[in-house]
Amino acid sequence: MESGIDVAKIYAKLTEIFRDVFDDDNLQVTPALTAADVDEWDSLNHIRLVVSVERAFGLSFSAAQVGRLKNVGEFAELIGAKL
């Protein structure tokens, strides 16, 4: 990531977003985290999550980009590549 935002800042912001979307102040956001790890992560919350991330970072993702993601680590990498 060349833009000046580091991985720790991406994860800090992602943690805030995940905790808000899933209404869980104790949720630990790690690179290996997947939808299977979060009980409330259904299709509606998935959309809310993506939209919230897009707004927070000022980015836009295609459905194909989001569909290829296997975990939060890949999402963070995608965010970093777009910043």
N, C-alpha and C. Protein backbone atom coordinates (compact mmCIF):
# COMPACT_ATOMS: atom_id res chain seq x y z
N MET A 1 0.83 -1.17 0.00
CA MET A 1 0.00 0.00 0.00
C MET A 1 0.88 1.24 0.00
N GLU A 2 0.76 1.98 -1.02
CA GLU A 2 1.60 3.14 -1.20
C GLU A 2 0.96 4.42 -0.68
N SER A 3 -0.31 4.42 -0.39
CA SER A 3 -1.06 5.65 -0.19
C SER A 3 -0.85 6.33 1.16
N GLY A 4 -0.18 5.69 2.07
CA GLY A 4 0.04 6.33 3.36
C GLY A 4 -0.86 5.77 4.46
N ILE A 5 -1.92 5.07 4.10
CA ILE A 5 -2.75 4.42 5.13
C ILE A 5 -2.17 3.03 5.36
N ASP A 6 -1.94 2.69 6.61
CA ASP A 6 -1.33 1.39 6.86
C ASP A 6 -2.38 0.35 7.22
N VAL A 7 -1.93 -0.87 7.24
CA VAL A 7 -2.83 -2.00 7.49
C VAL A 7 -3.52 -1.87 8.85
N ALA A 8 -2.80 -1.40 9.85
CA ALA A 8 -3.39 -1.25 11.19
C ALA A 8 -4.56 -0.27 11.15
N LYS A 9 -4.43 0.81 10.39
CA LYS A 9 -5.52 1.78 10.29
C LYS A 9 -6.71 1.19 9.55
N ILE A 10 -6.45 0.38 8.54
CA ILE A 10 -7.54 -0.29 7.82
C ILE A 10 -8.29 -1.21 8.78
N TYR A 11 -7.55 -2.02 9.54
CA TYR A 11 -8.20 -2.95 10.47
C TYR A 11 -8.92 -2.21 11.60
N ALA A 12 -8.38 -1.10 12.06
CA ALA A 12 -9.05 -0.32 13.10
C ALA A 12 -10.40 0.18 12.59
N LYS A 13 -10.42 0.68 11.37
CA LYS A 13 -11.66 1.19 10.80
C LYS A 13 -12.61 0.03 10.52
N LEU A 14 -12.09 -1.08 10.00
CA LEU A 14 -12.93 -2.25 9.75
C LEU A 14 -13.55 -2.77 11.04
N THR A 15 -12.79 -2.77 12.12
CA THR A 15 -13.31 -3.24 13.41
C THR A 15 -14.50 -2.40 13.84
N GLU A 16 -14.37 -1.08 13.71
CA GLU A 16 -15.50 -0.20 14.06
C GLU A 16 -16.73 -0.53 13.21
N ILE A 17 -16.52 -0.71 11.92
CA ILE A 17 -17.63 -0.99 11.00
C ILE A 17 -18.27 -2.33 11.32
N PHE A 18 -17.46 -3.37 11.49
CA PHE A 18 -17.98 -4.70 11.79
C PHE A 18 -18.78 -4.69 13.08
N ARG A 19 -18.25 -4.03 14.10
CA ARG A 19 -18.94 -3.99 15.40
C ARG A 19 -20.27 -3.27 15.28
N ASP A 20 -20.32 -2.23 14.44
CA ASP A 20 -21.56 -1.50 14.23
C ASP A 20 -22.57 -2.34 13.44
N VAL A 21 -22.14 -2.90 12.32
CA VAL A 21 -23.04 -3.67 11.45
C VAL A 21 -23.59 -4.90 12.18
N PHE A 22 -22.73 -5.59 12.91
CA PHE A 22 -23.15 -6.83 13.57
C PHE A 22 -23.57 -6.60 15.03
N ASP A 23 -23.58 -5.34 15.48
CA ASP A 23 -24.01 -4.98 16.82
C ASP A 23 -23.34 -5.84 17.88
N ASP A 24 -22.00 -5.92 17.79
CA ASP A 24 -21.22 -6.73 18.72
C ASP A 24 -19.93 -5.98 19.06
N ASP A 25 -19.92 -5.33 20.22
CA ASP A 25 -18.77 -4.53 20.63
C ASP A 25 -17.54 -5.35 20.95
N ASN A 26 -17.68 -6.66 21.02
CA ASN A 26 -16.54 -7.53 21.34
C ASN A 26 -16.01 -8.27 20.12
N LEU A 27 -16.57 -8.02 18.96
CA LEU A 27 -16.15 -8.73 17.75
C LEU A 27 -14.69 -8.41 17.43
N GLN A 28 -13.89 -9.45 17.27
CA GLN A 28 -12.48 -9.29 16.93
C GLN A 28 -12.32 -9.52 15.43
N VAL A 29 -11.87 -8.48 14.75
CA VAL A 29 -11.70 -8.55 13.30
C VAL A 29 -10.26 -8.95 13.00
N THR A 30 -10.11 -10.13 12.40
CA THR A 30 -8.79 -10.66 12.05
C THR A 30 -8.76 -11.00 10.57
N PRO A 31 -7.57 -11.15 9.99
CA PRO A 31 -7.50 -11.49 8.57
C PRO A 31 -8.23 -12.79 8.22
N ALA A 32 -8.29 -13.73 9.13
CA ALA A 32 -8.90 -15.03 8.85
C ALA A 32 -10.41 -15.05 9.05
N LEU A 33 -10.99 -13.97 9.57
CA LEU A 33 -12.42 -13.92 9.86
C LEU A 33 -13.25 -14.11 8.58
N THR A 34 -14.27 -14.95 8.66
CA THR A 34 -15.18 -15.18 7.54
C THR A 34 -16.62 -15.08 8.02
N ALA A 35 -17.55 -15.07 7.08
CA ALA A 35 -18.97 -15.00 7.42
C ALA A 35 -19.38 -16.16 8.33
N ALA A 36 -18.77 -17.31 8.15
CA ALA A 36 -19.11 -18.47 8.96
C ALA A 36 -18.77 -18.26 10.44
N ASP A 37 -17.88 -17.31 10.73
CA ASP A 37 -17.45 -17.05 12.10
C ASP A 37 -18.38 -16.11 12.86
N VAL A 38 -19.30 -15.44 12.16
CA VAL A 38 -20.16 -14.42 12.78
C VAL A 38 -21.61 -14.83 12.58
N ASP A 39 -22.30 -15.15 13.67
CA ASP A 39 -23.68 -15.64 13.60
C ASP A 39 -24.61 -14.71 12.82
N GLU A 40 -24.44 -13.41 13.02
CA GLU A 40 -25.34 -12.43 12.40
C GLU A 40 -25.00 -12.11 10.95
N TRP A 41 -23.94 -12.72 10.41
CA TRP A 41 -23.48 -12.39 9.05
C TRP A 41 -24.33 -13.14 8.03
N ASP A 42 -25.46 -12.53 7.70
CA ASP A 42 -26.34 -13.09 6.68
C ASP A 42 -26.24 -12.21 5.42
N SER A 43 -27.07 -12.50 4.44
CA SER A 43 -26.96 -11.77 3.16
C SER A 43 -27.28 -10.29 3.32
N LEU A 44 -28.25 -9.95 4.14
CA LEU A 44 -28.59 -8.55 4.34
C LEU A 44 -27.45 -7.80 5.05
N ASN A 45 -26.92 -8.39 6.10
CA ASN A 45 -25.82 -7.76 6.81
C ASN A 45 -24.55 -7.71 5.95
N HIS A 46 -24.42 -8.64 5.03
CA HIS A 46 -23.28 -8.62 4.12
C HIS A 46 -23.35 -7.36 3.25
N ILE A 47 -24.53 -7.07 2.75
CA ILE A 47 -24.72 -5.86 1.93
C ILE A 47 -24.47 -4.61 2.78
N ARG A 48 -25.03 -4.59 3.99
CA ARG A 48 -24.81 -3.45 4.89
C ARG A 48 -23.32 -3.26 5.17
N LEU A 49 -22.61 -4.37 5.35
CA LEU A 49 -21.18 -4.30 5.63
C LEU A 49 -20.43 -3.69 4.45
N VAL A 50 -20.68 -4.18 3.26
CA VAL A 50 -19.98 -3.68 2.07
C VAL A 50 -20.28 -2.20 1.85
N VAL A 51 -21.54 -1.81 1.97
CA VAL A 51 -21.90 -0.40 1.79
C VAL A 51 -21.24 0.46 2.86
N SER A 52 -21.22 -0.01 4.08
CA SER A 52 -20.59 0.75 5.17
C SER A 52 -19.09 0.91 4.93
N VAL A 53 -18.44 -0.13 4.45
CA VAL A 53 -17.01 -0.06 4.16
C VAL A 53 -16.77 0.91 3.00
N GLU A 54 -17.60 0.83 1.97
CA GLU A 54 -17.45 1.75 0.83
C GLU A 54 -17.55 3.20 1.30
N ARG A 55 -18.54 3.48 2.12
CA ARG A 55 -18.73 4.85 2.62
C ARG A 55 -17.57 5.30 3.49
N ALA A 56 -17.14 4.45 4.40
CA ALA A 56 -16.09 4.81 5.36
C ALA A 56 -14.76 5.09 4.67
N PHE A 57 -14.47 4.33 3.62
CA PHE A 57 -13.18 4.49 2.94
C PHE A 57 -13.29 5.32 1.66
N GLY A 58 -14.51 5.70 1.27
CA GLY A 58 -14.69 6.47 0.05
C GLY A 58 -14.35 5.67 -1.20
N LEU A 59 -14.72 4.40 -1.17
CA LEU A 59 -14.40 3.49 -2.28
C LEU A 59 -15.67 2.88 -2.85
N SER A 60 -15.49 2.17 -3.96
CA SER A 60 -16.58 1.43 -4.57
C SER A 60 -16.05 0.08 -5.02
N PHE A 61 -16.83 -0.96 -4.75
CA PHE A 61 -16.44 -2.32 -5.13
C PHE A 61 -17.47 -2.90 -6.08
N SER A 62 -17.00 -3.68 -7.03
CA SER A 62 -17.93 -4.38 -7.91
C SER A 62 -18.42 -5.65 -7.22
N ALA A 63 -19.54 -6.16 -7.69
CA ALA A 63 -20.07 -7.41 -7.13
C ALA A 63 -19.06 -8.54 -7.32
N ALA A 64 -18.37 -8.53 -8.44
CA ALA A 64 -17.37 -9.57 -8.71
C ALA A 64 -16.21 -9.49 -7.71
N GLN A 65 -15.74 -8.27 -7.42
CA GLN A 65 -14.65 -8.11 -6.45
C GLN A 65 -15.07 -8.64 -5.09
N VAL A 66 -16.25 -8.28 -4.65
CA VAL A 66 -16.74 -8.71 -3.34
C VAL A 66 -16.97 -10.22 -3.34
N GLY A 67 -17.50 -10.75 -4.42
CA GLY A 67 -17.80 -12.17 -4.50
C GLY A 67 -16.57 -13.07 -4.44
N ARG A 68 -15.43 -12.54 -4.83
CA ARG A 68 -14.19 -13.34 -4.82
C ARG A 68 -13.53 -13.38 -3.45
N LEU A 69 -13.94 -12.51 -2.54
CA LEU A 69 -13.28 -12.43 -1.24
C LEU A 69 -13.57 -13.66 -0.40
N LYS A 70 -12.51 -14.22 0.20
CA LYS A 70 -12.66 -15.42 1.02
C LYS A 70 -12.65 -15.10 2.52
N ASN A 71 -12.07 -13.94 2.89
CA ASN A 71 -11.99 -13.59 4.31
C ASN A 71 -11.72 -12.09 4.45
N VAL A 72 -11.67 -11.63 5.68
CA VAL A 72 -11.46 -10.21 5.94
C VAL A 72 -10.08 -9.76 5.48
N GLY A 73 -9.10 -10.64 5.56
CA GLY A 73 -7.76 -10.30 5.10
C GLY A 73 -7.75 -9.91 3.64
N GLU A 74 -8.47 -10.65 2.81
CA GLU A 74 -8.55 -10.33 1.39
C GLU A 74 -9.31 -9.01 1.19
N PHE A 75 -10.32 -8.76 2.03
CA PHE A 75 -11.07 -7.51 1.94
C PHE A 75 -10.15 -6.34 2.27
N ALA A 76 -9.33 -6.48 3.32
CA ALA A 76 -8.40 -5.44 3.71
C ALA A 76 -7.38 -5.18 2.59
N GLU A 77 -6.91 -6.24 1.95
CA GLU A 77 -5.97 -6.09 0.83
C GLU A 77 -6.62 -5.33 -0.32
N LEU A 78 -7.88 -5.65 -0.62
CA LEU A 78 -8.61 -4.97 -1.69
C LEU A 78 -8.76 -3.49 -1.35
N ILE A 79 -9.10 -3.19 -0.12
CA ILE A 79 -9.23 -1.80 0.32
C ILE A 79 -7.90 -1.08 0.15
N GLY A 80 -6.84 -1.69 0.63
CA GLY A 80 -5.50 -1.08 0.53
C GLY A 80 -5.08 -0.84 -0.91
N ALA A 81 -5.44 -1.76 -1.80
CA ALA A 81 -5.07 -1.60 -3.21
C ALA A 81 -5.83 -0.45 -3.87
N LYS A 82 -7.01 -0.14 -3.36
CA LYS A 82 -7.83 0.91 -3.95
C LYS A 82 -7.55 2.29 -3.35
N LEU A 83 -6.88 2.34 -2.21
CA LEU A 83 -6.62 3.64 -1.57
C LEU A 83 -5.46 4.35 -2.24
